[in-house]
C-alpha atoms as a PDB file:
ATOM      1  CA  MET A   1     132.820 -91.391 -57.492  1.00  0.00           C
ATOM      2  CA  MET A   2     132.716 -91.418 -61.473  1.00  0.00           C
ATOM      3  CA  LYS A   3     129.815 -89.596 -62.724  1.00  0.00           C
ATOM      4  CA  TYR A   4     128.060 -91.510 -66.001  1.00  0.00           C
ATOM      5  CA  VAL A   5     127.725 -89.140 -68.895  1.00  0.00           C
ATOM      6  CA  PRO A   6     125.580 -90.899 -72.048  1.00  0.00           C
ATOM      7  CA  SER A   7     127.716 -90.831 -74.909  1.00  0.00           C
ATOM      8  CA  GLY A   8     124.886 -89.431 -76.700  1.00  0.00           C
ATOM      9  CA  ALA A   9     124.957 -86.589 -74.789  1.00  0.00           C
ATOM     10  CA  LEU A  10     128.882 -85.938 -75.274  1.00  0.00           C
ATOM     11  CA  LEU A  11     128.503 -86.406 -79.051  1.00  0.00           C
ATOM     12  CA  GLY A  12     125.636 -83.619 -79.236  1.00  0.00           C
ATOM     13  CA  ALA A  13     127.614 -81.419 -77.302  1.00  0.00           C
ATOM     14  CA  THR A  14     130.476 -81.821 -79.493  1.00  0.00           C
ATOM     15  CA  LEU A  15     128.252 -81.516 -82.757  1.00  0.00           C
ATOM     16  CA  LEU A  16     126.681 -78.122 -81.074  1.00  0.00           C
ATOM     17  CA  VAL A  17     130.410 -76.815 -80.621  1.00  0.00           C
ATOM     18  CA  VAL A  18     131.515 -77.742 -83.868  1.00  0.00           C
ATOM     19  CA  VAL A  19     128.046 -76.234 -85.749  1.00  0.00           C
ATOM     20  CA  ALA A  20     128.345 -73.062 -83.514  1.00  0.00           C
ATOM     21  CA  SER A  21     131.903 -72.355 -84.600  1.00  0.00           C
ATOM     22  CA  SER A  22     131.487 -73.046 -88.178  1.00  0.00           C
ATOM     23  CA  ALA A  23     128.754 -70.824 -88.721  1.00  0.00           C
ATOM     24  CA  PRO A  24     129.482 -67.695 -90.944  1.00  0.00           C
ATOM     25  CA  ALA A  25     129.653 -64.164 -89.572  1.00  0.00           C
ATOM     26  CA  ALA A  26     126.175 -62.068 -90.548  1.00  0.00           C
ATOM     27  CA  GLY A  27     126.234 -59.072 -92.925  1.00  0.00           C
ATOM     28  CA  ALA A  28     129.136 -60.379 -94.430  1.00  0.00           C
ATOM     29  CA  GLY A  29     131.405 -60.142 -91.398  1.00  0.00           C
ATOM     30  CA  ILE A  30     131.149 -56.552 -90.547  1.00  0.00           C
ATOM     31  CA  GLU A  31     131.143 -56.659 -86.518  1.00  0.00           C
ATOM     32  CA  ASN A  32     130.137 -53.964 -84.092  1.00  0.00           C
ATOM     33  CA  GLY A  33     128.538 -51.770 -86.632  1.00  0.00           C
ATOM     34  CA  THR A  34     126.609 -49.567 -83.872  1.00  0.00           C
ATOM     35  CA  PHE A  35     130.044 -49.218 -82.103  1.00  0.00           C
ATOM     36  CA  GLN A  36     128.415 -50.611 -78.936  1.00  0.00           C
ATOM     37  CA  ILE A  37     131.580 -52.073 -77.786  1.00  0.00           C
ATOM     38  CA  PRO A  38     133.135 -50.374 -75.368  1.00  0.00           C
ATOM     39  CA  GLY A  39     130.125 -49.442 -73.799  1.00  0.00           C
ATOM     40  CA  VAL A  40     130.230 -45.428 -73.070  1.00  0.00           C
ATOM     41  CA  ASN A  41     127.972 -43.457 -70.674  1.00  0.00           C
ATOM     42  CA  ALA A  42     124.652 -42.191 -72.666  1.00  0.00           C
ATOM     43  CA  ASP A  43     125.806 -38.454 -72.188  1.00  0.00           C
ATOM     44  CA  SER A  44     129.298 -38.972 -72.771  1.00  0.00           C
ATOM     45  CA  TYR A  45     131.962 -39.898 -75.252  1.00  0.00           C
ATOM     46  CA  ARG A  46     135.544 -41.637 -75.020  1.00  0.00           C
ATOM     47  CA  ARG A  47     138.664 -40.332 -76.980  1.00  0.00           C
ATOM     48  CA  ILE A  48     140.376 -43.263 -78.699  1.00  0.00           C
ATOM     49  CA  GLY A  49     143.532 -43.130 -80.584  1.00  0.00           C
ATOM     50  CA  PRO A  50     145.616 -45.969 -81.777  1.00  0.00           C
ATOM     51  CA  ALA A  51     147.921 -46.958 -79.016  1.00  0.00           C
ATOM     52  CA  ASP A  52     144.765 -47.467 -76.710  1.00  0.00           C
ATOM     53  CA  SER A  53     144.259 -50.940 -75.597  1.00  0.00           C
ATOM     54  CA  LEU A  54     140.321 -50.098 -75.024  1.00  0.00           C
ATOM     55  CA  GLN A  55     139.460 -49.871 -78.851  1.00  0.00           C
ATOM     56  CA  PRO A  56     135.640 -50.672 -80.844  1.00  0.00           C
ATOM     57  CA  THR A  57     136.711 -54.162 -81.361  1.00  0.00           C
ATOM     58  CA  PRO A  58     137.044 -55.371 -83.851  1.00  0.00           C
ATOM     59  CA  TRP A  59     137.299 -51.914 -85.574  1.00  0.00           C
ATOM     60  CA  ARG A  60     140.988 -50.204 -84.944  1.00  0.00           C
ATOM     61  CA  VAL A  61     141.774 -46.392 -84.721  1.00  0.00           C
ATOM     62  CA  THR A  62     144.218 -46.556 -87.177  1.00  0.00           C
ATOM     63  CA  ASP A  63     145.153 -42.565 -87.521  1.00  0.00           C
ATOM     64  CA  GLY A  64     144.832 -39.659 -85.338  1.00  0.00           C
ATOM     65  CA  ASN A  65     142.055 -40.324 -82.662  1.00  0.00           C
ATOM     66  CA  VAL A  66     138.446 -40.513 -82.671  1.00  0.00           C
ATOM     67  CA  ASP A  67     135.225 -39.582 -80.238  1.00  0.00           C
ATOM     68  CA  LEU A  68     133.076 -42.665 -79.284  1.00  0.00           C
ATOM     69  CA  TYR A  69     129.876 -41.246 -78.083  1.00  0.00           C
ATOM     70  CA  GLY A  70     127.168 -42.511 -75.933  1.00  0.00           C
ATOM     71  CA  THR A  71     123.574 -43.291 -77.275  1.00  0.00           C
ATOM     72  CA  GLU A  72     122.322 -39.352 -75.838  1.00  0.00           C
ATOM     73  CA  ALA A  73     125.447 -37.427 -76.734  1.00  0.00           C
ATOM     74  CA  ALA A  74     125.196 -39.111 -80.447  1.00  0.00           C
ATOM     75  CA  ASN A  75     121.490 -38.432 -80.089  1.00  0.00           C
ATOM     76  CA  ASN A  76     121.032 -41.883 -81.908  1.00  0.00           C
ATOM     77  CA  PRO A  77     119.388 -45.119 -80.326  1.00  0.00           C
ATOM     78  CA  HIS A  78     123.059 -46.368 -80.732  1.00  0.00           C
ATOM     79  CA  GLN A  79     126.575 -45.293 -80.084  1.00  0.00           C
ATOM     80  CA  ALA A  80     128.313 -43.564 -82.655  1.00  0.00           C
ATOM     81  CA  VAL A  81     132.034 -42.423 -83.711  1.00  0.00           C
ATOM     82  CA  ASP A  82     132.866 -38.786 -84.208  1.00  0.00           C
ATOM     83  CA  LEU A  83     135.620 -39.423 -86.618  1.00  0.00           C
ATOM     84  CA  ASN A  84     137.757 -36.219 -85.529  1.00  0.00           C
ATOM     85  CA  GLY A  85     138.641 -36.519 -81.793  1.00  0.00           C
ATOM     86  CA  GLY A  86     141.129 -33.840 -80.989  1.00  0.00           C
ATOM     87  CA  GLN A  87     142.293 -34.170 -84.406  1.00  0.00           C
ATOM     88  CA  PRO A  88     141.515 -35.920 -87.666  1.00  0.00           C
ATOM     89  CA  GLY A  89     140.990 -39.803 -87.324  1.00  0.00           C
ATOM     90  CA  ALA A  90     140.575 -43.102 -89.078  1.00  0.00           C
ATOM     91  CA  ILE A  91     138.664 -46.246 -88.372  1.00  0.00           C
ATOM     92  CA  ALA A  92     139.343 -49.717 -90.003  1.00  0.00           C
ATOM     93  CA  GLN A  93     137.714 -53.032 -89.762  1.00  0.00           C
ATOM     94  CA  VAL A  94     138.934 -56.229 -91.757  1.00  0.00           C
ATOM     95  CA  PHE A  95     135.735 -58.357 -92.903  1.00  0.00           C
ATOM     96  CA  SER A  96     135.062 -61.874 -95.033  1.00  0.00           C
ATOM     97  CA  PRO A  97     132.840 -61.395 -97.816  1.00  0.00           C
ATOM     98  CA  THR A  98     132.596 -63.924-100.230  1.00  0.00           C
ATOM     99  CA  ILE A  99     134.642 -63.939-103.356  1.00  0.00           C
ATOM    100  CA  GLY A 100     132.590 -62.713-106.282  1.00  0.00           C
ATOM    101  CA  LYS A 101     129.720 -61.464-104.313  1.00  0.00           C
ATOM    102  CA  LYS A 102     128.597 -58.117-104.724  1.00  0.00           C
ATOM    103  CA  VAL A 103     128.683 -56.507-101.256  1.00  0.00           C
ATOM    104  CA  THR A 104     126.863 -53.004-100.177  1.00  0.00           C
ATOM    105  CA  ILE A 105     128.111 -51.495 -97.015  1.00  0.00           C
ATOM    106  CA  THR A 106     125.633 -49.010 -95.479  1.00  0.00           C
ATOM    107  CA  TRP A 107     125.699 -46.723 -92.980  1.00  0.00           C
ATOM    108  CA  LYS A 108     124.236 -43.535 -91.396  1.00  0.00           C
ATOM    109  CA  GLU A 109     125.587 -40.187 -90.864  1.00  0.00           C
ATOM    110  CA  ALA A 110     125.315 -36.804 -88.908  1.00  0.00           C
ATOM    111  CA  ARG A 111     126.803 -33.717 -88.413  1.00  0.00           C
ATOM    112  CA  ASN A 112     128.688 -33.477 -85.012  1.00  0.00           C
ATOM    113  CA  THR A 113     126.402 -33.174 -82.273  1.00  0.00           C
ATOM    114  CA  THR A 114     128.529 -31.161 -79.866  1.00  0.00           C
ATOM    115  CA  ARG A 115     127.689 -27.594 -79.283  1.00  0.00           C
ATOM    116  CA  LEU A 116     130.530 -25.684 -80.604  1.00  0.00           C
ATOM    117  CA  CYS A 117     130.977 -28.226 -83.691  1.00  0.00           C
ATOM    118  CA  GLY A 118     126.842 -28.197 -84.568  1.00  0.00           C
ATOM    119  CA  THR A 119     126.182 -24.224 -84.266  1.00  0.00           C
ATOM    120  CA  ASN A 120     129.394 -23.145 -86.666  1.00  0.00           C
ATOM    121  CA  ALA A 121     127.845 -23.688 -90.077  1.00  0.00           C
ATOM    122  CA  THR A 122     130.793 -22.991 -92.025  1.00  0.00           C
ATOM    123  CA  VAL A 123     132.661 -26.151 -90.270  1.00  0.00           C
ATOM    124  CA  VAL A 124     132.637 -28.778 -93.266  1.00  0.00           C
ATOM    125  CA  GLN A 125     132.628 -32.218 -91.880  1.00  0.00           C
ATOM    126  CA  LYS A 126     133.481 -34.761 -94.825  1.00  0.00           C
ATOM    127  CA  TYR A 127     135.033 -38.031 -94.471  1.00  0.00           C
ATOM    128  CA  SER A 128     135.995 -40.610 -97.020  1.00  0.00           C
ATOM    129  CA  VAL A 129     135.117 -44.163 -96.852  1.00  0.00           C
ATOM    130  CA  THR A 130     137.263 -47.114 -98.723  1.00  0.00           C
ATOM    131  CA  VAL A 131     137.329 -50.586 -99.746  1.00  0.00           C
ATOM    132  CA  LEU A 132     140.307 -52.571-101.833  1.00  0.00           C
ATOM    133  CA  GLY A 133     142.059 -49.094-101.227  1.00  0.00           C
ATOM    134  CA  LYS A 134     140.632 -47.862-104.431  1.00  0.00           C
ATOM    135  CA  THR A 135     136.421 -48.114-103.807  1.00  0.00           C
ATOM    136  CA  THR A 136     135.736 -44.806-102.405  1.00  0.00           C
ATOM    137  CA  VAL A 137     132.931 -42.715-101.398  1.00  0.00           C
ATOM    138  CA  THR A 138     133.226 -39.027-100.188  1.00  0.00           C
ATOM    139  CA  SER A 139     130.356 -37.740 -98.159  1.00  0.00           C
ATOM    140  CA  ASP A 140     129.825 -34.557 -96.139  1.00  0.00           C
ATOM    141  CA  PRO A 141     126.694 -34.176 -93.556  1.00  0.00           C
ATOM    142  CA  SER A 142     127.583 -30.814 -93.257  1.00  0.00           C
ATOM    143  CA  GLY A 143     124.149 -29.793 -94.615  1.00  0.00           C
ATOM    144  CA  LEU A 144     122.289 -31.533 -91.603  1.00  0.00           C
ATOM    145  CA  GLN A 145     121.279 -30.095 -88.387  1.00  0.00           C
ATOM    146  CA  PRO A 146     123.686 -30.846 -85.626  1.00  0.00           C
ATOM    147  CA  GLY A 147     122.807 -34.536 -84.320  1.00  0.00           C
ATOM    148  CA  VAL A 148     119.961 -35.070 -86.856  1.00  0.00           C
ATOM    149  CA  TRP A 149     120.881 -38.242 -88.681  1.00  0.00           C
ATOM    150  CA  ARG A 150     120.310 -38.226 -92.628  1.00  0.00           C
ATOM    151  CA  THR A 151     117.281 -40.639 -92.748  1.00  0.00           C
ATOM    152  CA  SER A 152     118.777 -42.736 -96.033  1.00  0.00           C
ATOM    153  CA  PRO A 153     121.927 -44.443 -95.214  1.00  0.00           C
ATOM    154  CA  GLN A 154     125.260 -44.075 -97.214  1.00  0.00           C
ATOM    155  CA  GLU A 155     126.366 -46.910 -99.178  1.00  0.00           C
ATOM    156  CA  LEU A 156     128.900 -48.257-100.893  1.00  0.00           C
ATOM    157  CA  THR A 157     128.765 -51.221-103.016  1.00  0.00           C
ATOM    158  CA  PHE A 158     132.046 -53.323-104.702  1.00  0.00           C
ATOM    159  CA  VAL A 159     132.640 -56.813-105.772  1.00  0.00           C
ATOM    160  CA  ALA A 160     134.568 -58.918-103.317  1.00  0.00           C
ATOM    161  CA  SER A 161     137.712 -60.345-105.079  1.00  0.00           C
ATOM    162  CA  ASP A 162     139.722 -61.499-101.839  1.00  0.00           C
ATOM    163  CA  HIS A 163     138.393 -63.565 -98.709  1.00  0.00           C
ATOM    164  CA  LEU A 164     139.266 -60.388 -96.486  1.00  0.00           C
ATOM    165  CA  HIS A 165     139.055 -56.540 -96.937  1.00  0.00           C
ATOM    166  CA  THR A 166     139.468 -53.702 -95.252  1.00  0.00           C
ATOM    167  CA  LEU A 167     136.561 -50.977 -94.404  1.00  0.00           C
ATOM    168  CA  THR A 168     138.334 -47.684 -93.869  1.00  0.00           C
ATOM    169  CA  PHE A 169     136.277 -44.371 -92.759  1.00  0.00           C
ATOM    170  CA  VAL A 170     138.855 -41.428 -92.519  1.00  0.00           C
ATOM    171  CA  SER A 171     137.814 -38.038 -91.891  1.00  0.00           C
ATOM    172  CA  GLN A 172     139.014 -34.994 -94.124  1.00  0.00           C
ATOM    173  CA  THR A 173     138.070 -32.562 -91.811  1.00  0.00           C
ATOM    174  CA  PRO A 174     140.902 -30.401 -90.472  1.00  0.00           C
ATOM    175  CA  ASN A 175     139.473 -29.625 -87.055  1.00  0.00           C
ATOM    176  CA  ASP A 176     137.825 -31.232 -83.787  1.00  0.00           C
ATOM    177  CA  CYS A 177     134.630 -31.530 -85.323  1.00  0.00           C
ATOM    178  CA  GLY A 178     134.287 -34.383 -86.939  1.00  0.00           C
ATOM    179  CA  PRO A 179     131.120 -36.281 -88.972  1.00  0.00           C
ATOM    180  CA  MET A 180     129.478 -39.146 -86.963  1.00  0.00           C
ATOM    181  CA  ILE A 181     128.544 -42.409 -88.375  1.00  0.00           C
ATOM    182  CA  THR A 182     126.947 -45.607 -86.991  1.00  0.00           C
ATOM    183  CA  ASP A 183     124.911 -48.574 -88.023  1.00  0.00           C
ATOM    184  CA  VAL A 184     127.804 -49.600 -90.100  1.00  0.00           C
ATOM    185  CA  VAL A 185     126.236 -52.975 -92.088  1.00  0.00           C
ATOM    186  CA  ALA A 186     127.584 -55.025 -95.104  1.00  0.00           C
ATOM    187  CA  ASP A 187     125.081 -57.154 -96.934  1.00  0.00           C
ATOM    188  CA  GLU A 188     126.004 -59.590 -99.883  1.00  0.00           C
ATOM    189  CA  GLY A 189     123.764 -59.471-102.939  1.00  0.00           C
END
């Protein structure tokens, strides 16, 4: 038995698919800025290196390794990345801003929440954030109390010169007490 489908319904479904697939990504293309993928138990963490198949997609661990913290372990409503797993690490994401637009990337940072790292006031937790290979911000949440997120977001601003740019966060901390980041957003203005 053949099923009758009104031609208008088929056309409507086709238009819906075309419109949905051509919609621009929100926030100038940064995705998973709260590192919710992959999910981690709230009070735990997961260590991720470049060769691991489970990445915080579309972010990629590009060097060393990082720890992905659950919300309770991060002391944050969102998951977070500790830029040092057992060694200094780096994460990167390719995103698509509009050429010629001013792009402001913001993120939140905190001093590492683990007991050993948090109680050692001498541990420096510096990291750098780079776009275009030359627009860099270096930050250091070491002055914060462990697990207390800086109230004002950090930011990096640049003018998009291409359709694809790579945003990279790189730890400059030599041990396993790395800075933590979350809530990464890009806005065009």
